Amino acid sequence: MRIGELSERSGLSRDAIRFYERIGLVGSQRSPNGYREFGAETVPWLDYVRTAQRLGFSLAEIGRHGEELRESPDSAEALSALFAEKIALVDAKMAELAALREELADRAGTGCPLRPDGS
């Protein structure tokens, strides 16, 4: 299918599809007249990419694990391992944000909140 049809079927703009192609998330073949031709498997893969992004995975992470996930995108074992890694990162970020919030709360209402000791 050409990029226009892929755009319609996936809900992504042509520019987004070109970008994904440029960074290696999707591939195409060039027809003799120069048009990009995408396989039918590209539509579910793009849905998968969008879902992974909504779950907090970056395009770089999707690209790093893309080959293994493309071959078995519903592999519970592989996905569970990736999710466990992402949960650990989210937990670390939440702890970091909680510590930052506590420090901000401690400094709020002090005479000079930007002093190194907070007083």
PDB file of N, CA and C in Angstrom:
ATOM      1  N   MET A   1       0.847  -1.170   0.000  1.00  0.00           N
ATOM      2  CA  MET A   1       0.000   0.000   0.000  1.00  0.00           C
ATOM      3  C   MET A   1       0.892   1.233   0.000  1.00  0.00           C
ATOM      4  N   ARG A   2       0.394   2.294  -0.573  1.00  0.00           N
ATOM      5  CA  ARG A   2       1.137   3.547  -0.615  1.00  0.00           C
ATOM      6  C   ARG A   2       0.960   4.314   0.690  1.00  0.00           C
ATOM      7  N   ILE A   3       1.768   5.341   0.845  1.00  0.00           N
ATOM      8  CA  ILE A   3       1.802   6.082   2.097  1.00  0.00           C
ATOM      9  C   ILE A   3       0.458   6.738   2.421  1.00  0.00           C
ATOM     10  N   GLY A   4      -0.278   7.194   1.411  1.00  0.00           N
ATOM     11  CA  GLY A   4      -1.575   7.817   1.664  1.00  0.00           C
ATOM     12  C   GLY A   4      -2.558   6.835   2.283  1.00  0.00           C
ATOM     13  N   GLU A   5      -2.592   5.622   1.746  1.00  0.00           N
ATOM     14  CA  GLU A   5      -3.483   4.598   2.297  1.00  0.00           C
ATOM     15  C   GLU A   5      -3.037   4.199   3.695  1.00  0.00           C
ATOM     16  N   LEU A   6      -1.726   4.059   3.880  1.00  0.00           N
ATOM     17  CA  LEU A   6      -1.211   3.729   5.216  1.00  0.00           C
ATOM     18  C   LEU A   6      -1.572   4.822   6.215  1.00  0.00           C
ATOM     19  N   SER A   7      -1.483   6.057   5.782  1.00  0.00           N
ATOM     20  CA  SER A   7      -1.854   7.178   6.637  1.00  0.00           C
ATOM     21  C   SER A   7      -3.316   7.078   7.053  1.00  0.00           C
ATOM     22  N   GLU A   8      -4.180   6.813   6.098  1.00  0.00           N
ATOM     23  CA  GLU A   8      -5.613   6.685   6.404  1.00  0.00           C
ATOM     24  C   GLU A   8      -5.880   5.505   7.328  1.00  0.00           C
ATOM     25  N   ARG A   9      -5.278   4.373   7.038  1.00  0.00           N
ATOM     26  CA  ARG A   9      -5.553   3.160   7.822  1.00  0.00           C
ATOM     27  C   ARG A   9      -4.943   3.208   9.217  1.00  0.00           C
ATOM     28  N   SER A  10      -3.826   3.914   9.364  1.00  0.00           N
ATOM     29  CA  SER A  10      -3.153   3.948  10.662  1.00  0.00           C
ATOM     30  C   SER A  10      -3.554   5.158  11.510  1.00  0.00           C
ATOM     31  N   GLY A  11      -4.094   6.194  10.859  1.00  0.00           N
ATOM     32  CA  GLY A  11      -4.422   7.417  11.580  1.00  0.00           C
ATOM     33  C   GLY A  11      -3.219   8.316  11.829  1.00  0.00           C
ATOM     34  N   LEU A  12      -2.100   7.987  11.238  1.00  0.00           N
ATOM     35  CA  LEU A  12      -0.891   8.796  11.370  1.00  0.00           C
ATOM     36  C   LEU A  12      -0.720   9.672  10.141  1.00  0.00           C
ATOM     37  N   SER A  13      -0.089  10.805  10.318  1.00  0.00           N
ATOM     38  CA  SER A  13       0.172  11.672   9.177  1.00  0.00           C
ATOM     39  C   SER A  13       1.253  11.051   8.298  1.00  0.00           C
ATOM     40  N   ARG A  14       1.309  11.498   7.075  1.00  0.00           N
ATOM     41  CA  ARG A  14       2.360  11.039   6.167  1.00  0.00           C
ATOM     42  C   ARG A  14       3.727  11.432   6.703  1.00  0.00           C
ATOM     43  N   ASP A  15       3.801  12.627   7.290  1.00  0.00           N
ATOM     44  CA  ASP A  15       5.076  13.065   7.858  1.00  0.00           C
ATOM     45  C   ASP A  15       5.532  12.140   8.985  1.00  0.00           C
ATOM     46  N   ALA A  16       4.605  11.721   9.835  1.00  0.00           N
ATOM     47  CA  ALA A  16       4.953  10.808  10.929  1.00  0.00           C
ATOM     48  C   ALA A  16       5.450   9.479  10.370  1.00  0.00           C
ATOM     49  N   ILE A  17       4.778   8.984   9.347  1.00  0.00           N
ATOM     50  CA  ILE A  17       5.192   7.711   8.738  1.00  0.00           C
ATOM     51  C   ILE A  17       6.577   7.853   8.121  1.00  0.00           C
ATOM     52  N   ARG A  18       6.823   8.954   7.432  1.00  0.00           N
ATOM     53  CA  ARG A  18       8.152   9.190   6.852  1.00  0.00           C
ATOM     54  C   ARG A  18       9.214   9.254   7.952  1.00  0.00           C
ATOM     55  N   PHE A  19       8.865   9.918   9.068  1.00  0.00           N
ATOM     56  CA  PHE A  19       9.795  10.006  10.189  1.00  0.00           C
ATOM     57  C   PHE A  19      10.086   8.611  10.741  1.00  0.00           C
ATOM     58  N   TYR A  20       9.045   7.825  10.961  1.00  0.00           N
ATOM     59  CA  TYR A  20       9.240   6.464  11.460  1.00  0.00           C
ATOM     60  C   TYR A  20      10.087   5.651  10.496  1.00  0.00           C
ATOM     61  N   GLU A  21       9.908   5.871   9.223  1.00  0.00           N
ATOM     62  CA  GLU A  21      10.726   5.167   8.231  1.00  0.00           C
ATOM     63  C   GLU A  21      12.180   5.627   8.334  1.00  0.00           C
ATOM     64  N   ARG A  22      12.383   6.922   8.467  1.00  0.00           N
ATOM     65  CA  ARG A  22      13.735   7.478   8.538  1.00  0.00           C
ATOM     66  C   ARG A  22      14.500   6.935   9.745  1.00  0.00           C
ATOM     67  N   ILE A  23      13.810   6.728  10.880  1.00  0.00           N
ATOM     68  CA  ILE A  23      14.500   6.233  12.072  1.00  0.00           C
ATOM     69  C   ILE A  23      14.488   4.702  12.154  1.00  0.00           C
ATOM     70  N   GLY A  24      13.916   4.052  11.162  1.00  0.00           N
ATOM     71  CA  GLY A  24      13.986   2.597  11.075  1.00  0.00           C
ATOM     72  C   GLY A  24      12.867   1.825  11.730  1.00  0.00           C
ATOM     73  N   LEU A  25      11.791   2.483  12.155  1.00  0.00           N
ATOM     74  CA  LEU A  25      10.679   1.753  12.771  1.00  0.00           C
ATOM     75  C   LEU A  25       9.805   1.049  11.744  1.00  0.00           C
ATOM     76  N   VAL A  26       9.726   1.593  10.549  1.00  0.00           N
ATOM     77  CA  VAL A  26       8.983   0.941   9.468  1.00  0.00           C
ATOM     78  C   VAL A  26       9.852   0.948   8.223  1.00  0.00           C
ATOM     79  N   GLY A  27       9.565   0.019   7.360  1.00  0.00           N
ATOM     80  CA  GLY A  27      10.301  -0.062   6.109  1.00  0.00           C
ATOM     81  C   GLY A  27       9.349  -0.043   4.933  1.00  0.00           C
ATOM     82  N   SER A  28       9.885   0.333   3.802  1.00  0.00           N
ATOM     83  CA  SER A  28       9.091   0.337   2.585  1.00  0.00           C
ATOM     84  C   SER A  28       9.976  -0.079   1.427  1.00  0.00           C
ATOM     85  N   GLN A  29       9.326  -0.405   0.358  1.00  0.00           N
ATOM     86  CA  GLN A  29      10.015  -0.676  -0.900  1.00  0.00           C
ATOM     87  C   GLN A  29       9.641   0.449  -1.844  1.00  0.00           C
ATOM     88  N   ARG A  30      10.539   0.788  -2.732  1.00  0.00           N
ATOM     89  CA  ARG A  30      10.232   1.799  -3.733  1.00  0.00           C
ATOM     90  C   ARG A  30       9.751   1.110  -4.998  1.00  0.00           C
ATOM     91  N   SER A  31       8.611   1.567  -5.493  1.00  0.00           N
ATOM     92  CA  SER A  31       8.097   1.043  -6.756  1.00  0.00           C
ATOM     93  C   SER A  31       8.896   1.683  -7.893  1.00  0.00           C
ATOM     94  N   PRO A  32       8.786   1.157  -9.108  1.00  0.00           N
ATOM     95  CA  PRO A  32       9.538   1.731 -10.230  1.00  0.00           C
ATOM     96  C   PRO A  32       9.270   3.225 -10.441  1.00  0.00           C
ATOM     97  N   ASN A  33       8.080   3.678 -10.082  1.00  0.00           N
ATOM     98  CA  ASN A  33       7.781   5.106 -10.250  1.00  0.00           C
ATOM     99  C   ASN A  33       8.187   5.943  -9.033  1.00  0.00           C
ATOM    100  N   GLY A  34       8.838   5.324  -8.050  1.00  0.00           N
ATOM    101  CA  GLY A  34       9.369   6.052  -6.907  1.00  0.00           C
ATOM    102  C   GLY A  34       8.464   6.126  -5.691  1.00  0.00           C
ATOM    103  N   TYR A  35       7.243   5.591  -5.801  1.00  0.00           N
ATOM    104  CA  TYR A  35       6.340   5.618  -4.653  1.00  0.00           C
ATOM    105  C   TYR A  35       6.798   4.632  -3.583  1.00  0.00           C
ATOM    106  N   ARG A  36       6.566   5.019  -2.335  1.00  0.00           N
ATOM    107  CA  ARG A  36       6.819   4.090  -1.229  1.00  0.00           C
ATOM    108  C   ARG A  36       5.690   3.058  -1.216  1.00  0.00           C
ATOM    109  N   GLU A  37       6.054   1.817  -1.033  1.00  0.00           N
ATOM    110  CA  GLU A  37       5.079   0.736  -0.894  1.00  0.00           C
ATOM    111  C   GLU A  37       5.319   0.045   0.442  1.00  0.00           C
ATOM    112  N   PHE A  38       4.280   0.031   1.272  1.00  0.00           N
ATOM    113  CA  PHE A  38       4.356  -0.570   2.594  1.00  0.00           C
ATOM    114  C   PHE A  38       3.554  -1.860   2.619  1.00  0.00           C
ATOM    115  N   GLY A  39       4.047  -2.833   3.362  1.00  0.00           N
ATOM    116  CA  GLY A  39       3.327  -4.090   3.513  1.00  0.00           C
ATOM    117  C   GLY A  39       2.127  -3.943   4.434  1.00  0.00           C
ATOM    118  N   ALA A  40       1.182  -4.851   4.301  1.00  0.00           N
ATOM    119  CA  ALA A  40      -0.031  -4.816   5.126  1.00  0.00           C
ATOM    120  C   ALA A  40       0.288  -4.943   6.613  1.00  0.00           C
ATOM    121  N   GLU A  41       1.390  -5.604   6.954  1.00  0.00           N
ATOM    122  CA  GLU A  41       1.772  -5.783   8.357  1.00  0.00           C
ATOM    123  C   GLU A  41       2.180  -4.469   9.029  1.00  0.00           C
ATOM    124  N   THR A  42       2.367  -3.411   8.236  1.00  0.00           N
ATOM    125  CA  THR A  42       2.774  -2.127   8.796  1.00  0.00           C
ATOM    126  C   THR A  42       1.666  -1.490   9.627  1.00  0.00           C
ATOM    127  N   VAL A  43       0.410  -1.706   9.248  1.00  0.00           N
ATOM    128  CA  VAL A  43      -0.707  -1.094   9.990  1.00  0.00           C
ATOM    129  C   VAL A  43      -0.753  -1.594  11.434  1.00  0.00           C
ATOM    130  N   PRO A  44      -0.795  -2.909  11.672  1.00  0.00           N
ATOM    131  CA  PRO A  44      -0.806  -3.340  13.078  1.00  0.00           C
ATOM    132  C   PRO A  44       0.482  -2.971  13.818  1.00  0.00           C
ATOM    133  N   TRP A  45       1.605  -2.946  13.108  1.00  0.00           N
ATOM    134  CA  TRP A  45       2.844  -2.556  13.760  1.00  0.00           C
ATOM    135  C   TRP A  45       2.769  -1.106  14.222  1.00  0.00           C
ATOM    136  N   LEU A  46       2.229  -0.212  13.412  1.00  0.00           N
ATOM    137  CA  LEU A  46       2.101   1.188  13.812  1.00  0.00           C
ATOM    138  C   LEU A  46       1.131   1.340  14.982  1.00  0.00           C
ATOM    139  N   ASP A  47       0.074   0.545  15.008  1.00  0.00           N
ATOM    140  CA  ASP A  47      -0.822   0.542  16.177  1.00  0.00           C
ATOM    141  C   ASP A  47      -0.055   0.137  17.429  1.00  0.00           C
ATOM    142  N   TYR A  48       0.793  -0.855  17.268  1.00  0.00           N
ATOM    143  CA  TYR A  48       1.609  -1.353  18.360  1.00  0.00           C
ATOM    144  C   TYR A  48       2.563  -0.267  18.852  1.00  0.00           C
ATOM    145  N   VAL A  49       3.200   0.434  17.918  1.00  0.00           N
ATOM    146  CA  VAL A  49       4.124   1.510  18.262  1.00  0.00           C
ATOM    147  C   VAL A  49       3.401   2.597  19.048  1.00  0.00           C
ATOM    148  N   ARG A  50       2.236   2.967  18.595  1.00  0.00           N
ATOM    149  CA  ARG A  50       1.466   4.013  19.286  1.00  0.00           C
ATOM    150  C   ARG A  50       1.058   3.567  20.686  1.00  0.00           C
ATOM    151  N   THR A  51       0.673   2.313  20.837  1.00  0.00           N
ATOM    152  CA  THR A  51       0.320   1.798  22.164  1.00  0.00           C
ATOM    153  C   THR A  51       1.543   1.822  23.077  1.00  0.00           C
ATOM    154  N   ALA A  52       2.684   1.394  22.558  1.00  0.00           N
ATOM    155  CA  ALA A  52       3.913   1.395  23.349  1.00  0.00           C
ATOM    156  C   ALA A  52       4.264   2.816  23.785  1.00  0.00           C
ATOM    157  N   GLN A  53       4.076   3.786  22.890  1.00  0.00           N
ATOM    158  CA  GLN A  53       4.339   5.184  23.256  1.00  0.00           C
ATOM    159  C   GLN A  53       3.404   5.635  24.373  1.00  0.00           C
ATOM    160  N   ARG A  54       2.126   5.276  24.281  1.00  0.00           N
ATOM    161  CA  ARG A  54       1.175   5.656  25.335  1.00  0.00           C
ATOM    162  C   ARG A  54       1.564   5.045  26.679  1.00  0.00           C
ATOM    163  N   LEU A  55       2.229   3.885  26.635  1.00  0.00           N
ATOM    164  CA  LEU A  55       2.665   3.226  27.865  1.00  0.00           C
ATOM    165  C   LEU A  55       4.002   3.750  28.366  1.00  0.00           C
ATOM    166  N   GLY A  56       4.513   4.795  27.716  1.00  0.00           N
ATOM    167  CA  GLY A  56       5.719   5.442  28.198  1.00  0.00           C
ATOM    168  C   GLY A  56       7.013   5.025  27.539  1.00  0.00           C
ATOM    169  N   PHE A  57       6.954   4.183  26.530  1.00  0.00           N
ATOM    170  CA  PHE A  57       8.166   3.776  25.841  1.00  0.00           C
ATOM    171  C   PHE A  57       8.535   4.822  24.793  1.00  0.00           C
ATOM    172  N   SER A  58       9.793   5.167  24.741  1.00  0.00           N
ATOM    173  CA  SER A  58      10.266   6.131  23.753  1.00  0.00           C
ATOM    174  C   SER A  58      10.426   5.432  22.402  1.00  0.00           C
ATOM    175  N   LEU A  59      10.519   6.226  21.358  1.00  0.00           N
ATOM    176  CA  LEU A  59      10.752   5.644  20.036  1.00  0.00           C
ATOM    177  C   LEU A  59      12.096   4.919  20.004  1.00  0.00           C
ATOM    178  N   ALA A  60      13.072   5.433  20.739  1.00  0.00           N
ATOM    179  CA  ALA A  60      14.379   4.762  20.801  1.00  0.00           C
ATOM    180  C   ALA A  60      14.239   3.380  21.438  1.00  0.00           C
ATOM    181  N   GLU A  61      13.458   3.297  22.522  1.00  0.00           N
ATOM    182  CA  GLU A  61      13.252   1.996  23.172  1.00  0.00           C
ATOM    183  C   GLU A  61      12.496   1.050  22.247  1.00  0.00           C
ATOM    184  N   ILE A  62      11.493   1.570  21.580  1.00  0.00           N
ATOM    185  CA  ILE A  62      10.729   0.739  20.645  1.00  0.00           C
ATOM    186  C   ILE A  62      11.651   0.262  19.531  1.00  0.00           C
ATOM    187  N   GLY A  63      12.495   1.149  19.036  1.00  0.00           N
ATOM    188  CA  GLY A  63      13.439   0.781  17.997  1.00  0.00           C
ATOM    189  C   GLY A  63      14.442  -0.263  18.452  1.00  0.00           C
ATOM    190  N   ARG A  64      14.917  -0.136  19.704  1.00  0.00           N
ATOM    191  CA  ARG A  64      15.881  -1.101  20.245  1.00  0.00           C
ATOM    192  C   ARG A  64      15.283  -2.492  20.336  1.00  0.00           C
ATOM    193  N   HIS A  65      14.022  -2.574  20.712  1.00  0.00           N
ATOM    194  CA  HIS A  65      13.377  -3.868  20.917  1.00  0.00           C
ATOM    195  C   HIS A  65      12.469  -4.248  19.756  1.00  0.00           C
ATOM    196  N   GLY A  66      12.421  -3.394  18.736  1.00  0.00           N
ATOM    197  CA  GLY A  66      11.484  -3.580  17.640  1.00  0.00           C
ATOM    198  C   GLY A  66      11.594  -4.889  16.914  1.00  0.00           C
ATOM    199  N   GLU A  67      12.811  -5.332  16.642  1.00  0.00           N
ATOM    200  CA  GLU A  67      12.984  -6.555  15.859  1.00  0.00           C
ATOM    201  C   GLU A  67      12.392  -7.752  16.593  1.00  0.00           C
ATOM    202  N   GLU A  68      12.708  -7.878  17.872  1.00  0.00           N
ATOM    203  CA  GLU A  68      12.172  -9.013  18.636  1.00  0.00           C
ATOM    204  C   GLU A  68      10.657  -8.905  18.792  1.00  0.00           C
ATOM    205  N   LEU A  69      10.148  -7.690  18.940  1.00  0.00           N
ATOM    206  CA  LEU A  69       8.713  -7.513  19.126  1.00  0.00           C
ATOM    207  C   LEU A  69       7.943  -7.679  17.814  1.00  0.00           C
ATOM    208  N   ARG A  70       8.567  -7.291  16.711  1.00  0.00           N
ATOM    209  CA  ARG A  70       7.910  -7.471  15.413  1.00  0.00           C
ATOM    210  C   ARG A  70       7.692  -8.941  15.106  1.00  0.00           C
ATOM    211  N   GLU A  71       8.672  -9.742  15.504  1.00  0.00           N
ATOM    212  CA  GLU A  71       8.571 -11.176  15.229  1.00  0.00           C
ATOM    213  C   GLU A  71       7.522 -11.834  16.115  1.00  0.00           C
ATOM    214  N   SER A  72       7.346 -11.341  17.326  1.00  0.00           N
ATOM    215  CA  SER A  72       6.340 -11.902  18.228  1.00  0.00           C
ATOM    216  C   SER A  72       5.745 -10.788  19.078  1.00  0.00           C
ATOM    217  N   PRO A  73       4.939  -9.900  18.468  1.00  0.00           N
ATOM    218  CA  PRO A  73       4.460  -8.721  19.200  1.00  0.00           C
ATOM    219  C   PRO A  73       3.550  -9.028  20.382  1.00  0.00           C
ATOM    220  N   ASP A  74       3.048 -10.228  20.482  1.00  0.00           N
ATOM    221  CA  ASP A  74       2.181 -10.568  21.606  1.00  0.00           C
ATOM    222  C   ASP A  74       2.858 -11.515  22.585  1.00  0.00           C
ATOM    223  N   SER A  75       4.164 -11.630  22.511  1.00  0.00           N
ATOM    224  CA  SER A  75       4.908 -12.508  23.403  1.00  0.00           C
ATOM    225  C   SER A  75       4.826 -11.982  24.830  1.00  0.00           C
ATOM    226  N   ALA A  76       4.058 -12.651  25.643  1.00  0.00           N
ATOM    227  CA  ALA A  76       3.848 -12.205  27.022  1.00  0.00           C
ATOM    228  C   ALA A  76       5.155 -12.160  27.798  1.00  0.00           C
ATOM    229  N   GLU A  77       6.023 -13.115  27.574  1.00  0.00           N
ATOM    230  CA  GLU A  77       7.283 -13.164  28.312  1.00  0.00           C
ATOM    231  C   GLU A  77       8.170 -11.957  27.984  1.00  0.00           C
ATOM    232  N   ALA A  78       8.334 -11.671  26.705  1.00  0.00           N
ATOM    233  CA  ALA A  78       9.170 -10.538  26.289  1.00  0.00           C
ATOM    234  C   ALA A  78       8.566  -9.223  26.756  1.00  0.00           C
ATOM    235  N   LEU A  79       7.261  -9.096  26.599  1.00  0.00           N
ATOM    236  CA  LEU A  79       6.605  -7.853  27.018  1.00  0.00           C
ATOM    237  C   LEU A  79       6.647  -7.681  28.527  1.00  0.00           C
ATOM    238  N   SER A  80       6.466  -8.756  29.262  1.00  0.00           N
ATOM    239  CA  SER A  80       6.512  -8.676  30.724  1.00  0.00           C
ATOM    240  C   SER A  80       7.872  -8.201  31.197  1.00  0.00           C
ATOM    241  N   ALA A  81       8.937  -8.669  30.561  1.00  0.00           N
ATOM    242  CA  ALA A  81      10.280  -8.230  30.937  1.00  0.00           C
ATOM    243  C   ALA A  81      10.458  -6.739  30.650  1.00  0.00           C
ATOM    244  N   LEU A  82       9.990  -6.289  29.489  1.00  0.00           N
ATOM    245  CA  LEU A  82      10.088  -4.873  29.156  1.00  0.00           C
ATOM    246  C   LEU A  82       9.257  -4.023  30.107  1.00  0.00           C
ATOM    247  N   PHE A  83       8.058  -4.511  30.441  1.00  0.00           N
ATOM    248  CA  PHE A  83       7.195  -3.778  31.368  1.00  0.00           C
ATOM    249  C   PHE A  83       7.828  -3.698  32.754  1.00  0.00           C
ATOM    250  N   ALA A  84       8.455  -4.776  33.200  1.00  0.00           N
ATOM    251  CA  ALA A  84       9.115  -4.770  34.511  1.00  0.00           C
ATOM    252  C   ALA A  84      10.226  -3.723  34.535  1.00  0.00           C
ATOM    253  N   GLU A  85      10.998  -3.622  33.450  1.00  0.00           N
ATOM    254  CA  GLU A  85      12.042  -2.596  33.361  1.00  0.00           C
ATOM    255  C   GLU A  85      11.427  -1.200  33.416  1.00  0.00           C
ATOM    256  N   LYS A  86      10.344  -1.013  32.687  1.00  0.00           N
ATOM    257  CA  LYS A  86       9.693   0.308  32.647  1.00  0.00           C
ATOM    258  C   LYS A  86       9.102   0.644  34.011  1.00  0.00           C
ATOM    259  N   ILE A  87       8.517  -0.324  34.696  1.00  0.00           N
ATOM    260  CA  ILE A  87       7.960  -0.094  36.034  1.00  0.00           C
ATOM    261  C   ILE A  87       9.067   0.351  36.990  1.00  0.00           C
ATOM    262  N   ALA A  88      10.233  -0.281  36.906  1.00  0.00           N
ATOM    263  CA  ALA A  88      11.351   0.108  37.770  1.00  0.00           C
ATOM    264  C   ALA A  88      11.771   1.552  37.499  1.00  0.00           C
ATOM    265  N   LEU A  89      11.792   1.943  36.232  1.00  0.00           N
ATOM    266  CA  LEU A  89      12.136   3.326  35.887  1.00  0.00           C
ATOM    267  C   LEU A  89      11.080   4.306  36.393  1.00  0.00           C
ATOM    268  N   VAL A  90       9.816   3.939  36.256  1.00  0.00           N
ATOM    269  CA  VAL A  90       8.726   4.794  36.732  1.00  0.00           C
ATOM    270  C   VAL A  90       8.797   4.928  38.247  1.00  0.00           C
ATOM    271  N   ASP A  91       9.040   3.818  38.946  1.00  0.00           N
ATOM    272  CA  ASP A  91       9.163   3.866  40.406  1.00  0.00           C
ATOM    273  C   ASP A  91      10.314   4.768  40.836  1.00  0.00           C
ATOM    274  N   ALA A  92      11.444   4.672  40.148  1.00  0.00           N
ATOM    275  CA  ALA A  92      12.596   5.521  40.484  1.00  0.00           C
ATOM    276  C   ALA A  92      12.263   6.990  40.247  1.00  0.00           C
ATOM    277  N   LYS A  93      11.599   7.272  39.154  1.00  0.00           N
ATOM    278  CA  LYS A  93      11.223   8.657  38.849  1.00  0.00           C
ATOM    279  C   LYS A  93      10.227   9.181  39.890  1.00  0.00           C
ATOM    280  N   MET A  94       9.271   8.325  40.297  1.00  0.00           N
ATOM    281  CA  MET A  94       8.299   8.735  41.309  1.00  0.00           C
ATOM    282  C   MET A  94       8.993   9.042  42.637  1.00  0.00           C
ATOM    283  N   ALA A  95       9.980   8.248  43.015  1.00  0.00           N
ATOM    284  CA  ALA A  95      10.721   8.491  44.248  1.00  0.00           C
ATOM    285  C   ALA A  95      11.500   9.799  44.152  1.00  0.00           C
ATOM    286  N   GLU A  96      12.100  10.030  42.989  1.00  0.00           N
ATOM    287  CA  GLU A  96      12.839  11.276  42.758  1.00  0.00           C
ATOM    288  C   GLU A  96      11.904  12.479  42.860  1.00  0.00           C
ATOM    289  N   LEU A  97      10.721  12.376  42.258  1.00  0.00           N
ATOM    290  CA  LEU A  97       9.759  13.474  42.306  1.00  0.00           C
ATOM    291  C   LEU A  97       9.213  13.686  43.715  1.00  0.00           C
ATOM    292  N   ALA A  98       9.014  12.603  44.462  1.00  0.00           N
ATOM    293  CA  ALA A  98       8.534  12.722  45.837  1.00  0.00           C
ATOM    294  C   ALA A  98       9.571  13.450  46.704  1.00  0.00           C
ATOM    295  N   ALA A  99      10.852  13.127  46.495  1.00  0.00           N
ATOM    296  CA  ALA A  99      11.915  13.802  47.247  1.00  0.00           C
ATOM    297  C   ALA A  99      11.971  15.282  46.872  1.00  0.00           C
ATOM    298  N   LEU A 100      11.824  15.588  45.602  1.00  0.00           N
ATOM    299  CA  LEU A 100      11.821  16.975  45.152  1.00  0.00           C
ATOM    300  C   LEU A 100      10.640  17.726  45.759  1.00  0.00           C
ATOM    301  N   ARG A 101       9.467  17.095  45.762  1.00  0.00           N
ATOM    302  CA  ARG A 101       8.284  17.722  46.334  1.00  0.00           C
ATOM    303  C   ARG A 101       8.490  18.021  47.809  1.00  0.00           C
ATOM    304  N   GLU A 102       9.070  17.071  48.534  1.00  0.00           N
ATOM    305  CA  GLU A 102       9.311  17.256  49.966  1.00  0.00           C
ATOM    306  C   GLU A 102      10.259  18.426  50.207  1.00  0.00           C
ATOM    307  N   GLU A 103      11.321  18.508  49.392  1.00  0.00           N
ATOM    308  CA  GLU A 103      12.253  19.612  49.559  1.00  0.00           C
ATOM    309  C   GLU A 103      11.593  20.949  49.249  1.00  0.00           C
ATOM    310  N   LEU A 104      10.780  20.994  48.192  1.00  0.00           N
ATOM    311  CA  LEU A 104      10.064  22.228  47.861  1.00  0.00           C
ATOM    312  C   LEU A 104       9.107  22.629  48.980  1.00  0.00           C
ATOM    313  N   ALA A 105       8.399  21.646  49.534  1.00  0.00           N
ATOM    314  CA  ALA A 105       7.465  21.929  50.627  1.00  0.00           C
ATOM    315  C   ALA A 105       8.215  22.453  51.851  1.00  0.00           C
ATOM    316  N   ASP A 106       9.390  21.867  52.145  1.00  0.00           N
ATOM    317  CA  ASP A 106      10.194  22.324  53.280  1.00  0.00           C
ATOM    318  C   ASP A 106      10.660  23.767  53.085  1.00  0.00           C
ATOM    319  N   ARG A 107      10.941  24.148  51.863  1.00  0.00           N
ATOM    320  CA  ARG A 107      11.466  25.485  51.582  1.00  0.00           C
ATOM    321  C   ARG A 107      10.356  26.534  51.429  1.00  0.00           C
ATOM    322  N   ALA A 108       9.149  26.096  51.094  1.00  0.00           N
ATOM    323  CA  ALA A 108       8.046  27.044  50.911  1.00  0.00           C
ATOM    324  C   ALA A 108       7.766  27.757  52.231  1.00  0.00           C
ATOM    325  N   GLY A 109       7.609  29.054  52.145  1.00  0.00           N
ATOM    326  CA  GLY A 109       7.290  29.843  53.342  1.00  0.00           C
ATOM    327  C   GLY A 109       8.494  30.209  54.180  1.00  0.00           C
ATOM    328  N   THR A 110       9.683  29.827  53.775  1.00  0.00           N
ATOM    329  CA  THR A 110      10.875  30.242  54.531  1.00  0.00           C
ATOM    330  C   THR A 110      11.276  31.625  54.061  1.00  0.00           C
ATOM    331  N   GLY A 111      12.138  32.273  54.813  1.00  0.00           N
ATOM    332  CA  GLY A 111      12.545  33.634  54.480  1.00  0.00           C
ATOM    333  C   GLY A 111      13.236  33.734  53.129  1.00  0.00           C
ATOM    334  N   CYS A 112      14.072  32.767  52.812  1.00  0.00           N
ATOM    335  CA  CYS A 112      14.796  32.785  51.532  1.00  0.00           C
ATOM    336  C   CYS A 112      14.865  31.348  51.015  1.00  0.00           C
ATOM    337  N   PRO A 113      13.871  30.932  50.257  1.00  0.00           N
ATOM    338  CA  PRO A 113      13.782  29.537  49.826  1.00  0.00           C
ATOM    339  C   PRO A 113      14.943  29.013  48.989  1.00  0.00           C
ATOM    340  N   LEU A 114      15.780  29.909  48.436  1.00  0.00           N
ATOM    341  CA  LEU A 114      16.848  29.441  47.565  1.00  0.00           C
ATOM    342  C   LEU A 114      18.207  29.322  48.275  1.00  0.00           C
ATOM    343  N   ARG A 115      18.238  29.560  49.579  1.00  0.00           N
ATOM    344  CA  ARG A 115      19.498  29.351  50.306  1.00  0.00           C
ATOM    345  C   ARG A 115      19.831  27.870  50.286  1.00  0.00           C
ATOM    346  N   PRO A 116      21.119  27.538  50.225  1.00  0.00           N
ATOM    347  CA  PRO A 116      21.509  26.124  50.158  1.00  0.00           C
ATOM    348  C   PRO A 116      20.962  25.264  51.286  1.00  0.00           C
ATOM    349  N   ASP A 117      20.834  25.823  52.495  1.00  0.00           N
ATOM    350  CA  ASP A 117      20.333  25.004  53.602  1.00  0.00           C
ATOM    351  C   ASP A 117      18.819  25.076  53.748  1.00  0.00           C
ATOM    352  N   GLY A 118      18.158  25.861  52.910  1.00  0.00           N
ATOM    353  CA  GLY A 118      16.703  25.931  52.941  1.00  0.00           C
ATOM    354  C   GLY A 118      16.125  26.819  54.019  1.00  0.00           C
ATOM    355  N   SER A 119      16.964  27.505  54.792  1.00  0.00           N
ATOM    356  CA  SER A 119      16.426  28.360  55.858  1.00  0.00           C
ATOM    357  C   SER A 119      16.559  29.832  55.537  1.00  0.00           C
TER     358      SER A 119
END
